[in-house]
Amino acid sequence: MTEYTQEKKKFDCVEFMRQARARITAEIAGMTAEEMVEWFNSKRYSDPVLEAMAARIRKSNEDRATDNPDG
């Protein structure tokens, strides 16, 4: 039987994801659905591709709200 040594992880993506989820959950706790949408739309990303995608989604949501102001 071969024995493998486990190296210490330099980056634990699962732990990172759990920490991010806990931080976001704490930040949006108690918000209404409208407040959560506003909160998510206000976020900016350092990655230019993600920021471009988020900007397109924000614009699409704004256009949709303008086309149908009642919801």
PDB file of N, CA and C in Angstrom:
ATOM      1  N   MET A   1       0.841  -1.174   0.000  1.00  0.00           N
ATOM      2  CA  MET A   1       0.000   0.000   0.000  1.00  0.00           C
ATOM      3  C   MET A   1       0.892   1.245   0.000  1.00  0.00           C
ATOM      4  N   THR A   2       0.585   2.166  -0.896  1.00  0.00           N
ATOM      5  CA  THR A   2       1.356   3.404  -0.997  1.00  0.00           C
ATOM      6  C   THR A   2       0.849   4.415   0.008  1.00  0.00           C
ATOM      7  N   GLU A   3       1.762   5.084   0.659  1.00  0.00           N
ATOM      8  CA  GLU A   3       1.376   6.090   1.644  1.00  0.00           C
ATOM      9  C   GLU A   3       1.651   7.474   1.067  1.00  0.00           C
ATOM     10  N   TYR A   4       0.650   8.343   1.126  1.00  0.00           N
ATOM     11  CA  TYR A   4       0.786   9.697   0.606  1.00  0.00           C
ATOM     12  C   TYR A   4       0.891  10.675   1.766  1.00  0.00           C
ATOM     13  N   THR A   5       1.715  11.661   1.597  1.00  0.00           N
ATOM     14  CA  THR A   5       1.778  12.720   2.602  1.00  0.00           C
ATOM     15  C   THR A   5       0.921  13.879   2.109  1.00  0.00           C
ATOM     16  N   GLN A   6       0.140  14.405   3.018  1.00  0.00           N
ATOM     17  CA  GLN A   6      -0.744  15.503   2.651  1.00  0.00           C
ATOM     18  C   GLN A   6      -0.045  16.830   2.957  1.00  0.00           C
ATOM     19  N   GLU A   7       0.094  17.641   1.922  1.00  0.00           N
ATOM     20  CA  GLU A   7       0.709  18.948   2.096  1.00  0.00           C
ATOM     21  C   GLU A   7      -0.322  19.935   2.624  1.00  0.00           C
ATOM     22  N   LYS A   8       0.150  20.917   3.359  1.00  0.00           N
ATOM     23  CA  LYS A   8      -0.727  21.969   3.858  1.00  0.00           C
ATOM     24  C   LYS A   8      -1.217  22.781   2.672  1.00  0.00           C
ATOM     25  N   LYS A   9      -2.525  23.011   2.645  1.00  0.00           N
ATOM     26  CA  LYS A   9      -3.107  23.775   1.551  1.00  0.00           C
ATOM     27  C   LYS A   9      -2.671  25.231   1.642  1.00  0.00           C
ATOM     28  N   LYS A  10      -2.355  25.785   0.493  1.00  0.00           N
ATOM     29  CA  LYS A  10      -2.032  27.203   0.442  1.00  0.00           C
ATOM     30  C   LYS A  10      -3.313  28.026   0.412  1.00  0.00           C
ATOM     31  N   PHE A  11      -4.348  27.470  -0.195  1.00  0.00           N
ATOM     32  CA  PHE A  11      -5.629  28.144  -0.283  1.00  0.00           C
ATOM     33  C   PHE A  11      -6.724  27.093  -0.197  1.00  0.00           C
ATOM     34  N   ASP A  12      -7.627  27.256   0.758  1.00  0.00           N
ATOM     35  CA  ASP A  12      -8.731  26.324   0.931  1.00  0.00           C
ATOM     36  C   ASP A  12      -9.988  26.987   0.375  1.00  0.00           C
ATOM     37  N   CYS A  13     -10.378  26.608  -0.850  1.00  0.00           N
ATOM     38  CA  CYS A  13     -11.506  27.264  -1.503  1.00  0.00           C
ATOM     39  C   CYS A  13     -12.821  26.996  -0.781  1.00  0.00           C
ATOM     40  N   VAL A  14     -12.989  25.830  -0.189  1.00  0.00           N
ATOM     41  CA  VAL A  14     -14.221  25.534   0.536  1.00  0.00           C
ATOM     42  C   VAL A  14     -14.336  26.439   1.761  1.00  0.00           C
ATOM     43  N   GLU A  15     -13.260  26.589   2.498  1.00  0.00           N
ATOM     44  CA  GLU A  15     -13.277  27.468   3.668  1.00  0.00           C
ATOM     45  C   GLU A  15     -13.501  28.924   3.248  1.00  0.00           C
ATOM     46  N   PHE A  16     -12.877  29.338   2.156  1.00  0.00           N
ATOM     47  CA  PHE A  16     -13.066  30.688   1.641  1.00  0.00           C
ATOM     48  C   PHE A  16     -14.535  30.924   1.314  1.00  0.00           C
ATOM     49  N   MET A  17     -15.172  29.970   0.626  1.00  0.00           N
ATOM     50  CA  MET A  17     -16.577  30.079   0.249  1.00  0.00           C
ATOM     51  C   MET A  17     -17.457  30.149   1.486  1.00  0.00           C
ATOM     52  N   ARG A  18     -17.160  29.329   2.485  1.00  0.00           N
ATOM     53  CA  ARG A  18     -17.959  29.338   3.717  1.00  0.00           C
ATOM     54  C   ARG A  18     -17.842  30.670   4.447  1.00  0.00           C
ATOM     55  N   GLN A  19     -16.645  31.222   4.493  1.00  0.00           N
ATOM     56  CA  GLN A  19     -16.448  32.515   5.144  1.00  0.00           C
ATOM     57  C   GLN A  19     -17.178  33.628   4.395  1.00  0.00           C
ATOM     58  N   ALA A  20     -17.107  33.599   3.076  1.00  0.00           N
ATOM     59  CA  ALA A  20     -17.794  34.604   2.267  1.00  0.00           C
ATOM     60  C   ALA A  20     -19.303  34.498   2.460  1.00  0.00           C
ATOM     61  N   ARG A  21     -19.824  33.275   2.458  1.00  0.00           N
ATOM     62  CA  ARG A  21     -21.258  33.071   2.645  1.00  0.00           C
ATOM     63  C   ARG A  21     -21.692  33.574   4.013  1.00  0.00           C
ATOM     64  N   ALA A  22     -20.914  33.286   5.055  1.00  0.00           N
ATOM     65  CA  ALA A  22     -21.246  33.737   6.411  1.00  0.00           C
ATOM     66  C   ALA A  22     -21.234  35.264   6.484  1.00  0.00           C
ATOM     67  N   ARG A  23     -20.248  35.906   5.836  1.00  0.00           N
ATOM     68  CA  ARG A  23     -20.159  37.368   5.845  1.00  0.00           C
ATOM     69  C   ARG A  23     -21.358  37.986   5.140  1.00  0.00           C
ATOM     70  N   ILE A  24     -21.707  37.453   3.970  1.00  0.00           N
ATOM     71  CA  ILE A  24     -22.845  37.976   3.216  1.00  0.00           C
ATOM     72  C   ILE A  24     -24.141  37.762   3.985  1.00  0.00           C
ATOM     73  N   THR A  25     -24.316  36.583   4.559  1.00  0.00           N
ATOM     74  CA  THR A  25     -25.518  36.293   5.337  1.00  0.00           C
ATOM     75  C   THR A  25     -25.667  37.278   6.488  1.00  0.00           C
ATOM     76  N   ALA A  26     -24.563  37.575   7.176  1.00  0.00           N
ATOM     77  CA  ALA A  26     -24.609  38.527   8.287  1.00  0.00           C
ATOM     78  C   ALA A  26     -24.951  39.930   7.789  1.00  0.00           C
ATOM     79  N   GLU A  27     -24.419  40.311   6.625  1.00  0.00           N
ATOM     80  CA  GLU A  27     -24.668  41.649   6.093  1.00  0.00           C
ATOM     81  C   GLU A  27     -26.115  41.846   5.669  1.00  0.00           C
ATOM     82  N   ILE A  28     -26.753  40.811   5.122  1.00  0.00           N
ATOM     83  CA  ILE A  28     -28.115  40.977   4.599  1.00  0.00           C
ATOM     84  C   ILE A  28     -29.188  40.507   5.575  1.00  0.00           C
ATOM     85  N   ALA A  29     -28.782  40.037   6.737  1.00  0.00           N
ATOM     86  CA  ALA A  29     -29.756  39.569   7.729  1.00  0.00           C
ATOM     87  C   ALA A  29     -30.717  40.700   8.072  1.00  0.00           C
ATOM     88  N   GLY A  30     -31.986  40.409   8.045  1.00  0.00           N
ATOM     89  CA  GLY A  30     -33.002  41.386   8.418  1.00  0.00           C
ATOM     90  C   GLY A  30     -33.417  42.327   7.301  1.00  0.00           C
ATOM     91  N   MET A  31     -32.789  42.214   6.124  1.00  0.00           N
ATOM     92  CA  MET A  31     -33.168  43.088   5.005  1.00  0.00           C
ATOM     93  C   MET A  31     -34.421  42.559   4.329  1.00  0.00           C
ATOM     94  N   THR A  32     -35.194  43.477   3.779  1.00  0.00           N
ATOM     95  CA  THR A  32     -36.334  43.078   2.956  1.00  0.00           C
ATOM     96  C   THR A  32     -35.793  42.642   1.595  1.00  0.00           C
ATOM     97  N   ALA A  33     -36.643  42.032   0.789  1.00  0.00           N
ATOM     98  CA  ALA A  33     -36.226  41.588  -0.540  1.00  0.00           C
ATOM     99  C   ALA A  33     -35.749  42.777  -1.370  1.00  0.00           C
ATOM    100  N   GLU A  34     -36.444  43.905  -1.287  1.00  0.00           N
ATOM    101  CA  GLU A  34     -36.052  45.086  -2.043  1.00  0.00           C
ATOM    102  C   GLU A  34     -34.695  45.611  -1.574  1.00  0.00           C
ATOM    103  N   GLU A  35     -34.444  45.600  -0.268  1.00  0.00           N
ATOM    104  CA  GLU A  35     -33.156  46.038   0.264  1.00  0.00           C
ATOM    105  C   GLU A  35     -32.025  45.118  -0.191  1.00  0.00           C
ATOM    106  N   MET A  36     -32.312  43.799  -0.243  1.00  0.00           N
ATOM    107  CA  MET A  36     -31.294  42.857  -0.716  1.00  0.00           C
ATOM    108  C   MET A  36     -30.942  43.112  -2.170  1.00  0.00           C
ATOM    109  N   VAL A  37     -31.931  43.356  -3.014  1.00  0.00           N
ATOM    110  CA  VAL A  37     -31.681  43.648  -4.423  1.00  0.00           C
ATOM    111  C   VAL A  37     -30.828  44.904  -4.536  1.00  0.00           C
ATOM    112  N   GLU A  38     -31.174  45.936  -3.775  1.00  0.00           N
ATOM    113  CA  GLU A  38     -30.400  47.176  -3.778  1.00  0.00           C
ATOM    114  C   GLU A  38     -28.958  46.923  -3.322  1.00  0.00           C
ATOM    115  N   TRP A  39     -28.800  46.115  -2.278  1.00  0.00           N
ATOM    116  CA  TRP A  39     -27.480  45.796  -1.746  1.00  0.00           C
ATOM    117  C   TRP A  39     -26.636  45.082  -2.792  1.00  0.00           C
ATOM    118  N   PHE A  40     -27.205  44.031  -3.423  1.00  0.00           N
ATOM    119  CA  PHE A  40     -26.466  43.290  -4.446  1.00  0.00           C
ATOM    120  C   PHE A  40     -26.136  44.180  -5.645  1.00  0.00           C
ATOM    121  N   ASN A  41     -27.069  45.038  -6.045  1.00  0.00           N
ATOM    122  CA  ASN A  41     -26.823  45.918  -7.195  1.00  0.00           C
ATOM    123  C   ASN A  41     -25.759  46.966  -6.899  1.00  0.00           C
ATOM    124  N   SER A  42     -25.536  47.277  -5.636  1.00  0.00           N
ATOM    125  CA  SER A  42     -24.550  48.300  -5.284  1.00  0.00           C
ATOM    126  C   SER A  42     -23.123  47.755  -5.242  1.00  0.00           C
ATOM    127  N   LYS A  43     -22.965  46.438  -5.272  1.00  0.00           N
ATOM    128  CA  LYS A  43     -21.632  45.835  -5.187  1.00  0.00           C
ATOM    129  C   LYS A  43     -20.850  46.044  -6.475  1.00  0.00           C
ATOM    130  N   ARG A  44     -19.548  46.259  -6.335  1.00  0.00           N
ATOM    131  CA  ARG A  44     -18.652  46.400  -7.475  1.00  0.00           C
ATOM    132  C   ARG A  44     -17.572  45.328  -7.383  1.00  0.00           C
ATOM    133  N   TYR A  45     -17.092  44.880  -8.526  1.00  0.00           N
ATOM    134  CA  TYR A  45     -16.130  43.790  -8.578  1.00  0.00           C
ATOM    135  C   TYR A  45     -14.783  44.283  -9.088  1.00  0.00           C
ATOM    136  N   SER A  46     -13.703  43.728  -8.547  1.00  0.00           N
ATOM    137  CA  SER A  46     -12.366  44.114  -9.011  1.00  0.00           C
ATOM    138  C   SER A  46     -12.029  43.428 -10.337  1.00  0.00           C
ATOM    139  N   ASP A  47     -12.646  42.295 -10.609  1.00  0.00           N
ATOM    140  CA  ASP A  47     -12.427  41.587 -11.869  1.00  0.00           C
ATOM    141  C   ASP A  47     -13.229  42.294 -12.964  1.00  0.00           C
ATOM    142  N   PRO A  48     -12.582  42.780 -14.030  1.00  0.00           N
ATOM    143  CA  PRO A  48     -13.301  43.535 -15.060  1.00  0.00           C
ATOM    144  C   PRO A  48     -14.391  42.725 -15.776  1.00  0.00           C
ATOM    145  N   VAL A  49     -14.187  41.423 -15.918  1.00  0.00           N
ATOM    146  CA  VAL A  49     -15.198  40.589 -16.569  1.00  0.00           C
ATOM    147  C   VAL A  49     -16.440  40.488 -15.685  1.00  0.00           C
ATOM    148  N   LEU A  50     -16.245  40.227 -14.386  1.00  0.00           N
ATOM    149  CA  LEU A  50     -17.381  40.155 -13.474  1.00  0.00           C
ATOM    150  C   LEU A  50     -18.092  41.497 -13.370  1.00  0.00           C
ATOM    151  N   GLU A  51     -17.337  42.586 -13.331  1.00  0.00           N
ATOM    152  CA  GLU A  51     -17.944  43.910 -13.246  1.00  0.00           C
ATOM    153  C   GLU A  51     -18.765  44.205 -14.494  1.00  0.00           C
ATOM    154  N   ALA A  52     -18.264  43.832 -15.671  1.00  0.00           N
ATOM    155  CA  ALA A  52     -19.009  44.043 -16.911  1.00  0.00           C
ATOM    156  C   ALA A  52     -20.303  43.238 -16.905  1.00  0.00           C
ATOM    157  N   MET A  53     -20.242  41.998 -16.438  1.00  0.00           N
ATOM    158  CA  MET A  53     -21.449  41.174 -16.352  1.00  0.00           C
ATOM    159  C   MET A  53     -22.455  41.787 -15.387  1.00  0.00           C
ATOM    160  N   ALA A  54     -21.975  42.218 -14.218  1.00  0.00           N
ATOM    161  CA  ALA A  54     -22.858  42.815 -13.215  1.00  0.00           C
ATOM    162  C   ALA A  54     -23.477  44.106 -13.751  1.00  0.00           C
ATOM    163  N   ALA A  55     -22.703  44.900 -14.475  1.00  0.00           N
ATOM    164  CA  ALA A  55     -23.219  46.146 -15.043  1.00  0.00           C
ATOM    165  C   ALA A  55     -24.329  45.859 -16.055  1.00  0.00           C
ATOM    166  N   ARG A  56     -24.135  44.824 -16.878  1.00  0.00           N
ATOM    167  CA  ARG A  56     -25.186  44.452 -17.844  1.00  0.00           C
ATOM    168  C   ARG A  56     -26.445  43.997 -17.123  1.00  0.00           C
ATOM    169  N   ILE A  57     -26.290  43.244 -16.053  1.00  0.00           N
ATOM    170  CA  ILE A  57     -27.455  42.776 -15.292  1.00  0.00           C
ATOM    171  C   ILE A  57     -28.162  43.963 -14.651  1.00  0.00           C
ATOM    172  N   ARG A  58     -27.383  44.891 -14.046  1.00  0.00           N
ATOM    173  CA  ARG A  58     -27.994  46.075 -13.432  1.00  0.00           C
ATOM    174  C   ARG A  58     -28.778  46.878 -14.476  1.00  0.00           C
ATOM    175  N   LYS A  59     -28.173  47.079 -15.657  1.00  0.00           N
ATOM    176  CA  LYS A  59     -28.845  47.836 -16.713  1.00  0.00           C
ATOM    177  C   LYS A  59     -30.109  47.114 -17.160  1.00  0.00           C
ATOM    178  N   SER A  60     -30.036  45.806 -17.320  1.00  0.00           N
ATOM    179  CA  SER A  60     -31.202  45.025 -17.723  1.00  0.00           C
ATOM    180  C   SER A  60     -32.325  45.163 -16.698  1.00  0.00           C
ATOM    181  N   ASN A  61     -31.962  45.098 -15.422  1.00  0.00           N
ATOM    182  CA  ASN A  61     -32.966  45.245 -14.362  1.00  0.00           C
ATOM    183  C   ASN A  61     -33.577  46.645 -14.366  1.00  0.00           C
ATOM    184  N   GLU A  62     -32.744  47.664 -14.600  1.00  0.00           N
ATOM    185  CA  GLU A  62     -33.253  49.036 -14.672  1.00  0.00           C
ATOM    186  C   GLU A  62     -34.198  49.198 -15.858  1.00  0.00           C
ATOM    187  N   ASP A  63     -33.802  48.640 -17.011  1.00  0.00           N
ATOM    188  CA  ASP A  63     -34.651  48.717 -18.203  1.00  0.00           C
ATOM    189  C   ASP A  63     -35.984  48.019 -17.969  1.00  0.00           C
ATOM    190  N   ARG A  64     -35.934  46.868 -17.326  1.00  0.00           N
ATOM    191  CA  ARG A  64     -37.138  46.117 -17.035  1.00  0.00           C
ATOM    192  C   ARG A  64     -38.043  46.907 -16.110  1.00  0.00           C
ATOM    193  N   ALA A  65     -37.478  47.579 -15.101  1.00  0.00           N
ATOM    194  CA  ALA A  65     -38.261  48.366 -14.160  1.00  0.00           C
ATOM    195  C   ALA A  65     -38.893  49.565 -14.859  1.00  0.00           C
ATOM    196  N   THR A  66     -38.184  50.147 -15.836  1.00  0.00           N
ATOM    197  CA  THR A  66     -38.705  51.283 -16.584  1.00  0.00           C
ATOM    198  C   THR A  66     -39.839  50.849 -17.486  1.00  0.00           C
ATOM    199  N   ASP A  67     -39.692  49.676 -18.111  1.00  0.00           N
ATOM    200  CA  ASP A  67     -40.729  49.159 -19.007  1.00  0.00           C
ATOM    201  C   ASP A  67     -41.998  48.773 -18.253  1.00  0.00           C
ATOM    202  N   ASN A  68     -41.838  48.333 -17.013  1.00  0.00           N
ATOM    203  CA  ASN A  68     -42.966  47.862 -16.220  1.00  0.00           C
ATOM    204  C   ASN A  68     -42.850  48.438 -14.821  1.00  0.00           C
ATOM    205  N   PRO A  69     -43.226  49.703 -14.595  1.00  0.00           N
ATOM    206  CA  PRO A  69     -43.018  50.348 -13.300  1.00  0.00           C
ATOM    207  C   PRO A  69     -43.820  49.730 -12.159  1.00  0.00           C
ATOM    208  N   ASP A  70     -44.813  48.923 -12.458  1.00  0.00           N
ATOM    209  CA  ASP A  70     -45.612  48.300 -11.387  1.00  0.00           C
ATOM    210  C   ASP A  70     -45.024  46.992 -10.893  1.00  0.00           C
ATOM    211  N   GLY A  71     -43.899  46.577 -11.431  1.00  0.00           N
ATOM    212  CA  GLY A  71     -43.277  45.357 -10.914  1.00  0.00           C
ATOM    213  C   GLY A  71     -42.867  44.488 -11.992  1.00  0.00           C
TER     214      GLY A  71
END
